[in-house]
């Protein structure tokens, strides 16, 4: 079951809805239907990658949905650390599975039950350990909860309808995410060849340095606008991209800045005139 973006990326308070912290990690299904198995949202079996999860507190016949995270020294989810752990064969960093839903319990398919009941079953299903925890819904206002998450520089919240059933493989309005975006101003300093992607740079210590590639949020009008002037901006071309002088500025939103100073999944918003 996948999420929709809340309208205008605005949090809302609504009867029979709950808010949960949106954890910045990797979506994971944990199954004990036939021994322990760990699956990504793309159904890749990654059981061997996470031996720290092999000592599972889950009863047989259980499938949980949740997020796999690595936390930083302050206890916050660290996406870069999680990806490094996922890709490394030698990392000793420990990951934690945070369960937010249950699909099967004691061998019985419970996806047809309301979320309110599934939450009850989830809390009954296992006792938390160092590596297996449960995502606790916030009490009170989702709007206030999002404000608190933003103040702590966390990724955002998910607002869920307690009357919803688990819709396998569906992007449902019953689950809506609100992202704590970071805004940035950048220079458009190139365009990729063969696929959509605008190179960006920022000015730092009097020099331009690369800041990542914009792939999202660019519509046909934006493409036409850049194409109409880019021939005047190109100073170099290679097999990867046409490179521009830093003249065109743009505003983007991004999940955050990476540790090496790059935009993470930037989304184009507008040109700055």
Protein backbone atom coordinates (compact mmCIF):
# COMPACT_ATOMS: atom_id res chain seq x y z
CA UNK A 1 0.00 0.00 0.00
CA UNK A 2 1.51 3.28 -1.14
CA UNK A 3 0.94 6.90 -0.15
CA UNK A 4 -0.41 9.99 -1.87
CA UNK A 5 0.89 13.50 -1.30
CA UNK A 6 -1.53 15.51 0.82
CA UNK A 7 -3.13 18.38 -1.12
CA UNK A 8 -0.72 21.30 -1.18
CA UNK A 9 1.62 19.27 1.04
CA UNK A 10 -0.40 20.66 3.96
CA UNK A 11 -1.09 18.68 7.15
CA UNK A 12 -4.72 18.44 8.24
CA UNK A 13 -6.79 17.37 11.21
CA UNK A 14 -9.73 15.10 10.45
CA UNK A 15 -11.97 12.83 12.46
CA UNK A 16 -11.00 9.14 12.47
CA UNK A 17 -7.50 9.92 11.23
CA UNK A 18 -4.14 9.45 12.91
CA UNK A 19 -0.69 10.85 12.22
CA UNK A 20 2.57 8.93 12.33
CA UNK A 21 6.14 10.05 11.90
CA UNK A 22 7.39 9.45 8.36
CA UNK A 23 10.64 7.59 8.89
CA UNK A 24 13.48 8.21 6.45
CA UNK A 25 14.65 4.75 5.51
CA UNK A 26 13.79 1.79 3.29
CA UNK A 27 10.30 0.29 3.09
CA UNK A 28 10.43 -3.32 4.22
CA UNK A 29 8.09 -6.28 4.63
CA UNK A 30 9.02 -8.84 7.29
CA UNK A 31 7.47 -12.28 6.92
CA UNK A 32 7.52 -15.38 9.12
CA UNK A 33 5.14 -17.34 6.89
CA UNK A 34 7.86 -19.83 5.96
CA UNK A 35 10.80 -18.94 8.13
CA UNK A 36 12.03 -15.36 8.35
CA UNK A 37 12.13 -13.39 5.10
CA UNK A 38 12.78 -9.68 4.48
CA UNK A 39 11.46 -8.07 1.29
CA UNK A 40 11.80 -4.57 -0.15
CA UNK A 41 8.75 -2.85 -1.69
CA UNK A 42 9.99 -4.13 -5.07
CA UNK A 43 9.81 -7.71 -3.71
CA UNK A 44 13.56 -8.21 -3.55
CA UNK A 45 14.59 -10.72 -0.88
CA UNK A 46 17.20 -8.99 1.30
CA UNK A 47 17.13 -11.39 4.25
CA UNK A 48 20.85 -12.11 3.96
CA UNK A 49 21.75 -8.41 4.11
CA UNK A 50 20.45 -7.84 7.63
CA UNK A 51 21.56 -10.59 10.02
CA UNK A 52 20.78 -8.31 12.98
CA UNK A 53 17.08 -8.87 12.19
CA UNK A 54 17.32 -12.66 12.11
CA UNK A 55 16.59 -12.96 15.83
CA UNK A 56 12.95 -12.05 15.29
CA UNK A 57 10.34 -11.68 18.06
CA UNK A 58 7.52 -12.32 15.57
CA UNK A 59 5.29 -15.40 15.86
CA UNK A 60 5.03 -17.74 12.90
CA UNK A 61 2.47 -16.75 10.27
CA UNK A 62 3.08 -13.00 10.56
CA UNK A 63 3.72 -10.36 7.86
CA UNK A 64 4.52 -6.81 8.94
CA UNK A 65 4.88 -3.64 6.88
CA UNK A 66 7.28 -0.97 8.04
CA UNK A 67 10.44 1.03 7.56
CA UNK A 68 14.03 -0.09 8.01
CA UNK A 69 16.16 2.70 9.44
CA UNK A 70 19.61 3.55 10.71
CA UNK A 71 19.77 6.33 13.28
CA UNK A 72 22.43 8.97 13.77
CA UNK A 73 24.10 9.96 17.04
CA UNK A 74 21.02 12.00 17.96
CA UNK A 75 18.61 9.13 17.36
CA UNK A 76 17.21 10.55 14.12
CA UNK A 77 16.75 8.40 10.99
CA UNK A 78 19.75 8.86 8.69
CA UNK A 79 18.87 7.98 5.08
CA UNK A 80 22.43 8.20 3.80
CA UNK A 81 23.62 5.87 6.55
CA UNK A 82 20.77 3.49 5.73
CA UNK A 83 21.69 3.42 2.04
CA UNK A 84 25.36 2.92 2.89
CA UNK A 85 24.40 0.02 5.15
CA UNK A 86 22.16 -1.46 2.43
CA UNK A 87 24.86 -1.30 -0.23
CA UNK A 88 27.82 -2.38 1.91
CA UNK A 89 28.89 -5.96 2.56
CA UNK A 90 31.19 -5.04 5.41
CA UNK A 91 29.31 -2.32 7.35
CA UNK A 92 28.77 -3.08 11.02
CA UNK A 93 26.12 -0.39 11.42
CA UNK A 94 22.94 -1.90 12.85
CA UNK A 95 19.53 -1.33 11.27
CA UNK A 96 16.18 -1.27 13.08
CA UNK A 97 12.81 -2.35 11.70
CA UNK A 98 9.92 -0.06 12.64
CA UNK A 99 6.55 -1.74 12.02
CA UNK A 100 3.52 0.39 11.21
CA UNK A 101 1.05 -2.20 9.85
CA UNK A 102 0.25 -5.91 9.86
CA UNK A 103 -0.88 -7.92 6.84
CA UNK A 104 -1.05 -11.42 8.30
CA UNK A 105 -1.36 -12.54 11.90
CA UNK A 106 -1.06 -16.18 13.00
CA UNK A 107 -1.44 -17.20 9.37
CA UNK A 108 -4.65 -15.21 8.81
CA UNK A 109 -4.89 -12.45 6.16
CA UNK A 110 -5.95 -9.28 8.02
CA UNK A 111 -5.66 -6.78 5.16
CA UNK A 112 -9.46 -6.60 4.94
CA UNK A 113 -9.76 -5.34 8.50
CA UNK A 114 -9.96 -1.63 9.31
CA UNK A 115 -6.69 0.08 10.18
CA UNK A 116 -7.93 0.67 13.73
CA UNK A 117 -8.22 -3.09 14.24
CA UNK A 118 -4.96 -3.83 12.44
CA UNK A 119 -3.20 -1.45 14.81
CA UNK A 120 -4.57 -3.41 17.75
CA UNK A 121 -3.31 -6.67 16.25
CA UNK A 122 0.08 -5.10 15.50
CA UNK A 123 0.53 -4.09 19.12
CA UNK A 124 -0.49 -7.62 20.23
CA UNK A 125 1.72 -9.37 17.70
CA UNK A 126 5.16 -9.01 19.29
CA UNK A 127 7.18 -7.56 22.13
CA UNK A 128 9.60 -4.87 21.04
CA UNK A 129 13.33 -5.58 21.01
CA UNK A 130 16.37 -3.50 20.19
CA UNK A 131 15.93 -4.26 16.47
CA UNK A 132 12.13 -4.56 16.19
CA UNK A 133 9.95 -1.62 17.22
CA UNK A 134 6.44 -0.32 16.54
CA UNK A 135 5.55 3.07 15.09
CA UNK A 136 3.29 4.81 17.59
CA UNK A 137 0.50 7.08 16.28
CA UNK A 138 0.57 10.63 17.56
CA UNK A 139 -2.10 11.71 19.97
CA UNK A 140 -3.84 14.99 19.17
CA UNK A 141 -3.43 17.30 16.18
CA UNK A 142 -1.66 16.14 13.00
CA UNK A 143 -1.02 19.79 12.17
CA UNK A 144 0.80 20.33 15.44
CA UNK A 145 2.63 17.02 15.09
CA UNK A 146 3.93 18.03 11.66
CA UNK A 147 5.11 21.37 13.07
CA UNK A 148 7.00 19.52 15.80
CA UNK A 149 8.54 17.09 13.29
CA UNK A 150 9.62 19.99 11.07
CA UNK A 151 11.19 21.81 14.01
CA UNK A 152 13.32 18.72 14.62
CA UNK A 153 14.29 18.52 10.90
CA UNK A 154 12.53 15.16 10.51
CA UNK A 155 11.19 13.98 7.15
CA UNK A 156 7.49 14.62 7.78
CA UNK A 157 4.33 12.77 8.77
CA UNK A 158 1.82 10.32 7.31
CA UNK A 159 -1.87 10.90 8.00
CA UNK A 160 -3.97 7.70 7.86
CA UNK A 161 -7.68 6.97 7.87
CA UNK A 162 -8.46 4.54 10.70
CA UNK A 163 -11.41 3.19 8.68
CA UNK A 164 -9.25 2.18 5.71
CA UNK A 165 -8.35 -1.34 4.67
CA UNK A 166 -4.92 -2.34 3.43
CA UNK A 167 -4.96 -1.96 -0.37
CA UNK A 168 -2.12 -4.13 -1.68
CA UNK A 169 -0.18 -2.49 -4.53
CA UNK A 170 -2.40 0.59 -4.51
CA UNK A 171 -1.48 4.26 -4.06
CA UNK A 172 -4.30 5.23 -1.75
CA UNK A 173 -5.70 8.53 -0.48
CA UNK A 174 -6.29 6.73 2.81
CA UNK A 175 -2.59 7.31 3.52
CA UNK A 176 -1.33 10.83 2.82
CA UNK A 177 2.22 12.03 3.34
CA UNK A 178 3.26 15.56 4.23
CA UNK A 179 6.95 16.22 3.57
CA UNK A 180 9.13 18.67 5.45
CA UNK A 181 10.76 20.10 2.32
CA UNK A 182 13.85 22.30 2.37
CA UNK A 183 13.96 25.15 -0.15
CA UNK A 184 17.09 26.22 -2.04
CA UNK A 185 18.12 28.57 -4.84
CA UNK A 186 20.48 27.18 -7.46
CA UNK A 187 21.98 27.96 -10.84
CA UNK A 188 21.00 25.78 -13.82
CA UNK A 189 24.42 24.90 -15.22
CA UNK A 190 23.66 22.20 -17.75
CA UNK A 191 21.24 19.77 -19.35
CA UNK A 192 21.78 16.04 -19.59
CA UNK A 193 21.79 14.31 -22.95
CA UNK A 194 19.35 11.50 -23.69
CA UNK A 195 17.21 11.90 -20.58
CA UNK A 196 15.63 14.72 -18.65
CA UNK A 197 17.93 16.22 -16.07
CA UNK A 198 19.16 19.72 -15.35
CA UNK A 199 22.55 20.15 -13.73
CA UNK A 200 22.65 22.56 -10.81
CA UNK A 201 25.38 24.48 -9.02
CA UNK A 202 25.59 26.83 -6.06
CA UNK A 203 28.04 29.60 -5.33
CA UNK A 204 30.36 28.78 -2.48
CA UNK A 205 33.38 30.79 -1.37
CA UNK A 206 33.24 32.79 -4.57
CA UNK A 207 33.24 29.71 -6.83
CA UNK A 208 30.57 27.52 -8.40
CA UNK A 209 30.30 23.92 -7.31
CA UNK A 210 27.94 21.15 -8.48
CA UNK A 211 24.84 20.61 -6.32
CA UNK A 212 23.02 17.76 -8.06
CA UNK A 213 20.59 17.08 -10.90
CA UNK A 214 16.94 18.11 -11.11
CA UNK A 215 14.77 15.32 -12.56
CA UNK A 216 11.38 16.10 -11.02
CA UNK A 217 8.90 18.95 -11.31
CA UNK A 218 9.97 20.02 -14.81
CA UNK A 219 7.00 20.37 -17.17
CA UNK A 220 6.84 21.10 -20.91
CA UNK A 221 6.59 24.85 -20.37
CA UNK A 222 9.75 24.82 -18.25
CA UNK A 223 11.58 22.78 -20.91
CA UNK A 224 10.55 25.16 -23.69
CA UNK A 225 11.64 28.18 -21.66
CA UNK A 226 15.12 26.76 -21.07
CA UNK A 227 15.54 25.53 -24.64
CA UNK A 228 14.74 29.02 -25.95
CA UNK A 229 17.84 30.48 -24.29
CA UNK A 230 20.25 27.61 -23.69
CA UNK A 231 22.07 28.07 -27.02
CA UNK A 232 23.31 31.40 -25.65
CA UNK A 233 24.52 29.79 -22.43
CA UNK A 234 26.45 26.73 -23.62
CA UNK A 235 30.21 26.98 -23.16
CA UNK A 236 31.08 23.28 -23.32
CA UNK A 237 29.54 20.01 -24.45
CA UNK A 238 30.46 16.41 -23.76
CA UNK A 239 28.80 13.02 -24.12
CA UNK A 240 27.06 13.47 -20.78
CA UNK A 241 25.62 16.98 -21.01
CA UNK A 242 25.62 20.48 -22.44
CA UNK A 243 27.17 22.79 -19.86
CA UNK A 244 25.89 26.32 -19.28
CA UNK A 245 27.38 29.49 -17.90
CA UNK A 246 25.75 30.18 -14.50
CA UNK A 247 23.16 32.73 -15.56
CA UNK A 248 19.76 31.04 -15.05
CA UNK A 249 18.66 30.70 -11.45
CA UNK A 250 15.90 28.49 -10.09
CA UNK A 251 14.14 27.67 -6.87
CA UNK A 252 13.90 24.00 -5.88
CA UNK A 253 12.58 21.99 -2.99
CA UNK A 254 14.62 19.09 -1.70
CA UNK A 255 14.30 16.40 0.97
CA UNK A 256 17.51 17.73 2.52
CA UNK A 257 21.17 18.33 1.74
CA UNK A 258 23.44 15.29 1.75
CA UNK A 259 26.55 15.21 3.89
CA UNK A 260 28.69 16.04 0.85
CA UNK A 261 26.60 19.11 0.04
CA UNK A 262 24.31 17.75 -2.69
CA UNK A 263 20.57 18.21 -3.10
CA UNK A 264 18.63 15.05 -2.31
CA UNK A 265 15.88 14.34 -4.88
CA UNK A 266 15.38 18.02 -5.80
CA UNK A 267 12.08 19.12 -7.36
CA UNK A 268 11.98 22.16 -9.66
CA UNK A 269 9.57 24.87 -8.52
CA UNK A 270 10.25 27.98 -10.60
CA UNK A 271 12.80 30.09 -12.42
CA UNK A 272 14.06 33.14 -10.53
CA UNK A 273 13.87 36.20 -12.77
